Amino acid sequence: MNFEAASESTSENIFKQATDKFDQRKKAFHYLTNSSSYCLTVQKKLKTSCENS
């Protein structure tokens, strides 16, 4: 296997891992922003409105 092919697959793996992590964060953020009970819990703890979080 030549160096170019090796580095290409490595960067693809890194990119895929980064994309997976980004997807997970996006899903978590999406879940949290759509979870009104979570928002209310945070609101009570921080005494702030959900708009400002």
PDB file of N, CA and C in Angstrom:
ATOM      1  N   MET A   1       0.843  -1.188   0.000  1.00  0.00           N
ATOM      2  CA  MET A   1       0.000   0.000   0.000  1.00  0.00           C
ATOM      3  C   MET A   1       0.886   1.248   0.000  1.00  0.00           C
ATOM      4  N   ASN A   2       0.618   2.158  -0.910  1.00  0.00           N
ATOM      5  CA  ASN A   2       1.465   3.349  -0.968  1.00  0.00           C
ATOM      6  C   ASN A   2       1.024   4.412   0.029  1.00  0.00           C
ATOM      7  N   PHE A   3       1.892   5.388   0.230  1.00  0.00           N
ATOM      8  CA  PHE A   3       1.656   6.390   1.279  1.00  0.00           C
ATOM      9  C   PHE A   3       0.393   7.210   1.013  1.00  0.00           C
ATOM     10  N   GLU A   4       0.163   7.582  -0.241  1.00  0.00           N
ATOM     11  CA  GLU A   4      -1.000   8.410  -0.573  1.00  0.00           C
ATOM     12  C   GLU A   4      -2.297   7.705  -0.209  1.00  0.00           C
ATOM     13  N   ALA A   5      -2.377   6.425  -0.534  1.00  0.00           N
ATOM     14  CA  ALA A   5      -3.589   5.665  -0.221  1.00  0.00           C
ATOM     15  C   ALA A   5      -3.778   5.564   1.287  1.00  0.00           C
ATOM     16  N   ALA A   6      -2.669   5.360   1.997  1.00  0.00           N
ATOM     17  CA  ALA A   6      -2.741   5.238   3.456  1.00  0.00           C
ATOM     18  C   ALA A   6      -3.209   6.546   4.088  1.00  0.00           C
ATOM     19  N   SER A   7      -2.623   7.651   3.658  1.00  0.00           N
ATOM     20  CA  SER A   7      -2.994   8.938   4.250  1.00  0.00           C
ATOM     21  C   SER A   7      -4.428   9.307   3.885  1.00  0.00           C
ATOM     22  N   GLU A   8      -4.865   8.912   2.693  1.00  0.00           N
ATOM     23  CA  GLU A   8      -6.230   9.210   2.273  1.00  0.00           C
ATOM     24  C   GLU A   8      -7.235   8.486   3.159  1.00  0.00           C
ATOM     25  N   SER A   9      -6.988   7.192   3.406  1.00  0.00           N
ATOM     26  CA  SER A   9      -7.923   6.433   4.235  1.00  0.00           C
ATOM     27  C   SER A   9      -7.899   6.938   5.678  1.00  0.00           C
ATOM     28  N   THR A  10      -6.730   7.361   6.148  1.00  0.00           N
ATOM     29  CA  THR A  10      -6.636   7.901   7.506  1.00  0.00           C
ATOM     30  C   THR A  10      -7.443   9.182   7.636  1.00  0.00           C
ATOM     31  N   SER A  11      -7.287  10.077   6.672  1.00  0.00           N
ATOM     32  CA  SER A  11      -8.034  11.333   6.743  1.00  0.00           C
ATOM     33  C   SER A  11      -9.528  11.084   6.580  1.00  0.00           C
ATOM     34  N   GLU A  12      -9.899  10.089   5.789  1.00  0.00           N
ATOM     35  CA  GLU A  12     -11.313   9.735   5.654  1.00  0.00           C
ATOM     36  C   GLU A  12     -11.866   9.249   6.986  1.00  0.00           C
ATOM     37  N   ASN A  13     -11.085   8.405   7.683  1.00  0.00           N
ATOM     38  CA  ASN A  13     -11.513   7.906   8.992  1.00  0.00           C
ATOM     39  C   ASN A  13     -11.675   9.050   9.987  1.00  0.00           C
ATOM     40  N   ILE A  14     -10.709   9.949  10.001  1.00  0.00           N
ATOM     41  CA  ILE A  14     -10.767  11.093  10.913  1.00  0.00           C
ATOM     42  C   ILE A  14     -11.987  11.946  10.598  1.00  0.00           C
ATOM     43  N   PHE A  15     -12.208  12.181   9.308  1.00  0.00           N
ATOM     44  CA  PHE A  15     -13.362  12.982   8.898  1.00  0.00           C
ATOM     45  C   PHE A  15     -14.658  12.303   9.311  1.00  0.00           C
ATOM     46  N   LYS A  16     -14.718  10.979   9.122  1.00  0.00           N
ATOM     47  CA  LYS A  16     -15.924  10.227   9.479  1.00  0.00           C
ATOM     48  C   LYS A  16     -16.171  10.303  10.982  1.00  0.00           C
ATOM     49  N   GLN A  17     -15.115  10.143  11.774  1.00  0.00           N
ATOM     50  CA  GLN A  17     -15.250  10.221  13.232  1.00  0.00           C
ATOM     51  C   GLN A  17     -15.728  11.608  13.652  1.00  0.00           C
ATOM     52  N   ALA A  18     -15.157  12.626  13.042  1.00  0.00           N
ATOM     53  CA  ALA A  18     -15.558  13.998  13.361  1.00  0.00           C
ATOM     54  C   ALA A  18     -17.015  14.222  12.982  1.00  0.00           C
ATOM     55  N   THR A  19     -17.407  13.697  11.822  1.00  0.00           N
ATOM     56  CA  THR A  19     -18.789  13.843  11.365  1.00  0.00           C
ATOM     57  C   THR A  19     -19.738  13.108  12.294  1.00  0.00           C
ATOM     58  N   ASP A  20     -19.352  11.905  12.724  1.00  0.00           N
ATOM     59  CA  ASP A  20     -20.179  11.133  13.655  1.00  0.00           C
ATOM     60  C   ASP A  20     -20.353  11.893  14.966  1.00  0.00           C
ATOM     61  N   LYS A  21     -19.263  12.456  15.474  1.00  0.00           N
ATOM     62  CA  LYS A  21     -19.334  13.217  16.723  1.00  0.00           C
ATOM     63  C   LYS A  21     -20.225  14.436  16.551  1.00  0.00           C
ATOM     64  N   PHE A  22     -20.086  15.105  15.402  1.00  0.00           N
ATOM     65  CA  PHE A  22     -20.916  16.275  15.127  1.00  0.00           C
ATOM     66  C   PHE A  22     -22.385  15.866  15.067  1.00  0.00           C
ATOM     67  N   ASP A  23     -22.676  14.744  14.406  1.00  0.00           N
ATOM     68  CA  ASP A  23     -24.048  14.228  14.323  1.00  0.00           C
ATOM     69  C   ASP A  23     -24.606  13.957  15.708  1.00  0.00           C
ATOM     70  N   GLN A  24     -23.796  13.334  16.561  1.00  0.00           N
ATOM     71  CA  GLN A  24     -24.241  13.012  17.916  1.00  0.00           C
ATOM     72  C   GLN A  24     -24.556  14.289  18.687  1.00  0.00           C
ATOM     73  N   ARG A  25     -23.685  15.285  18.563  1.00  0.00           N
ATOM     74  CA  ARG A  25     -23.915  16.556  19.248  1.00  0.00           C
ATOM     75  C   ARG A  25     -25.171  17.226  18.719  1.00  0.00           C
ATOM     76  N   LYS A  26     -25.329  17.172  17.385  1.00  0.00           N
ATOM     77  CA  LYS A  26     -26.489  17.802  16.764  1.00  0.00           C
ATOM     78  C   LYS A  26     -27.770  17.138  17.238  1.00  0.00           C
ATOM     79  N   LYS A  27     -27.750  15.793  17.306  1.00  0.00           N
ATOM     80  CA  LYS A  27     -28.917  15.050  17.787  1.00  0.00           C
ATOM     81  C   LYS A  27     -29.205  15.379  19.245  1.00  0.00           C
ATOM     82  N   ALA A  28     -28.154  15.446  20.050  1.00  0.00           N
ATOM     83  CA  ALA A  28     -28.325  15.764  21.468  1.00  0.00           C
ATOM     84  C   ALA A  28     -28.882  17.172  21.627  1.00  0.00           C
ATOM     85  N   PHE A  29     -28.336  18.114  20.882  1.00  0.00           N
ATOM     86  CA  PHE A  29     -28.809  19.497  20.944  1.00  0.00           C
ATOM     87  C   PHE A  29     -30.262  19.580  20.487  1.00  0.00           C
ATOM     88  N   HIS A  30     -30.570  18.874  19.402  1.00  0.00           N
ATOM     89  CA  HIS A  30     -31.925  18.844  18.859  1.00  0.00           C
ATOM     90  C   HIS A  30     -32.886  18.280  19.896  1.00  0.00           C
ATOM     91  N   TYR A  31     -32.470  17.203  20.553  1.00  0.00           N
ATOM     92  CA  TYR A  31     -33.303  16.576  21.586  1.00  0.00           C
ATOM     93  C   TYR A  31     -33.528  17.544  22.743  1.00  0.00           C
ATOM     94  N   LEU A  32     -32.458  18.192  23.183  1.00  0.00           N
ATOM     95  CA  LEU A  32     -32.557  19.089  24.335  1.00  0.00           C
ATOM     96  C   LEU A  32     -33.418  20.308  24.025  1.00  0.00           C
ATOM     97  N   THR A  33     -33.256  20.847  22.828  1.00  0.00           N
ATOM     98  CA  THR A  33     -34.011  22.051  22.489  1.00  0.00           C
ATOM     99  C   THR A  33     -35.480  21.726  22.266  1.00  0.00           C
ATOM    100  N   ASN A  34     -35.781  20.473  21.950  1.00  0.00           N
ATOM    101  CA  ASN A  34     -37.173  20.086  21.745  1.00  0.00           C
ATOM    102  C   ASN A  34     -37.797  19.440  22.970  1.00  0.00           C
ATOM    103  N   SER A  35     -37.003  19.272  24.016  1.00  0.00           N
ATOM    104  CA  SER A  35     -37.520  18.639  25.218  1.00  0.00           C
ATOM    105  C   SER A  35     -37.958  19.723  26.197  1.00  0.00           C
ATOM    106  N   SER A  36     -39.257  19.982  26.236  1.00  0.00           N
ATOM    107  CA  SER A  36     -39.759  21.073  27.077  1.00  0.00           C
ATOM    108  C   SER A  36     -39.531  20.790  28.553  1.00  0.00           C
ATOM    109  N   SER A  37     -39.617  19.525  28.952  1.00  0.00           N
ATOM    110  CA  SER A  37     -39.404  19.202  30.368  1.00  0.00           C
ATOM    111  C   SER A  37     -37.962  19.497  30.770  1.00  0.00           C
ATOM    112  N   TYR A  38     -37.014  19.194  29.875  1.00  0.00           N
ATOM    113  CA  TYR A  38     -35.611  19.524  30.143  1.00  0.00           C
ATOM    114  C   TYR A  38     -35.459  21.039  30.268  1.00  0.00           C
ATOM    115  N   CYS A  39     -36.078  21.738  29.356  1.00  0.00           N
ATOM    116  CA  CYS A  39     -35.999  23.193  29.349  1.00  0.00           C
ATOM    117  C   CYS A  39     -36.556  23.764  30.644  1.00  0.00           C
ATOM    118  N   LEU A  40     -37.681  23.235  31.092  1.00  0.00           N
ATOM    119  CA  LEU A  40     -38.290  23.716  32.333  1.00  0.00           C
ATOM    120  C   LEU A  40     -37.412  23.404  33.537  1.00  0.00           C
ATOM    121  N   THR A  41     -36.779  22.237  33.520  1.00  0.00           N
ATOM    122  CA  THR A  41     -35.877  21.858  34.611  1.00  0.00           C
ATOM    123  C   THR A  41     -34.715  22.840  34.689  1.00  0.00           C
ATOM    124  N   VAL A  42     -34.117  23.126  33.552  1.00  0.00           N
ATOM    125  CA  VAL A  42     -33.000  24.071  33.500  1.00  0.00           C
ATOM    126  C   VAL A  42     -33.476  25.457  33.923  1.00  0.00           C
ATOM    127  N   GLN A  43     -34.666  25.806  33.462  1.00  0.00           N
ATOM    128  CA  GLN A  43     -35.245  27.102  33.804  1.00  0.00           C
ATOM    129  C   GLN A  43     -35.355  27.261  35.314  1.00  0.00           C
ATOM    130  N   LYS A  44     -35.828  26.227  35.979  1.00  0.00           N
ATOM    131  CA  LYS A  44     -35.980  26.283  37.435  1.00  0.00           C
ATOM    132  C   LYS A  44     -34.622  26.380  38.122  1.00  0.00           C
ATOM    133  N   LYS A  45     -33.665  25.578  37.636  1.00  0.00           N
ATOM    134  CA  LYS A  45     -32.341  25.559  38.266  1.00  0.00           C
ATOM    135  C   LYS A  45     -31.613  26.883  38.061  1.00  0.00           C
ATOM    136  N   LEU A  46     -31.656  27.383  36.844  1.00  0.00           N
ATOM    137  CA  LEU A  46     -30.896  28.587  36.523  1.00  0.00           C
ATOM    138  C   LEU A  46     -31.719  29.858  36.665  1.00  0.00           C
ATOM    139  N   LYS A  47     -33.029  29.691  36.833  1.00  0.00           N
ATOM    140  CA  LYS A  47     -33.951  30.832  36.927  1.00  0.00           C
ATOM    141  C   LYS A  47     -33.805  31.760  35.725  1.00  0.00           C
ATOM    142  N   THR A  48     -33.725  31.141  34.552  1.00  0.00           N
ATOM    143  CA  THR A  48     -33.653  31.914  33.313  1.00  0.00           C
ATOM    144  C   THR A  48     -34.706  31.390  32.354  1.00  0.00           C
ATOM    145  N   SER A  49     -34.970  32.142  31.327  1.00  0.00           N
ATOM    146  CA  SER A  49     -35.932  31.678  30.333  1.00  0.00           C
ATOM    147  C   SER A  49     -35.236  30.781  29.324  1.00  0.00           C
ATOM    148  N   CYS A  50     -35.991  29.930  28.691  1.00  0.00           N
ATOM    149  CA  CYS A  50     -35.427  29.000  27.710  1.00  0.00           C
ATOM    150  C   CYS A  50     -34.873  29.743  26.499  1.00  0.00           C
ATOM    151  N   GLU A  51     -35.401  30.918  26.244  1.00  0.00           N
ATOM    152  CA  GLU A  51     -34.954  31.691  25.091  1.00  0.00           C
ATOM    153  C   GLU A  51     -33.480  32.064  25.221  1.00  0.00           C
ATOM    154  N   ASN A  52     -33.040  32.299  26.461  1.00  0.00           N
ATOM    155  CA  ASN A  52     -31.677  32.778  26.676  1.00  0.00           C
ATOM    156  C   ASN A  52     -30.646  31.669  26.808  1.00  0.00           C
ATOM    157  N   SER A  53     -31.089  30.428  26.891  1.00  0.00           N
ATOM    158  CA  SER A  53     -30.139  29.344  27.132  1.00  0.00           C
ATOM    159  C   SER A  53     -29.327  29.027  25.897  1.00  0.00           C
TER     160      SER A  53
END
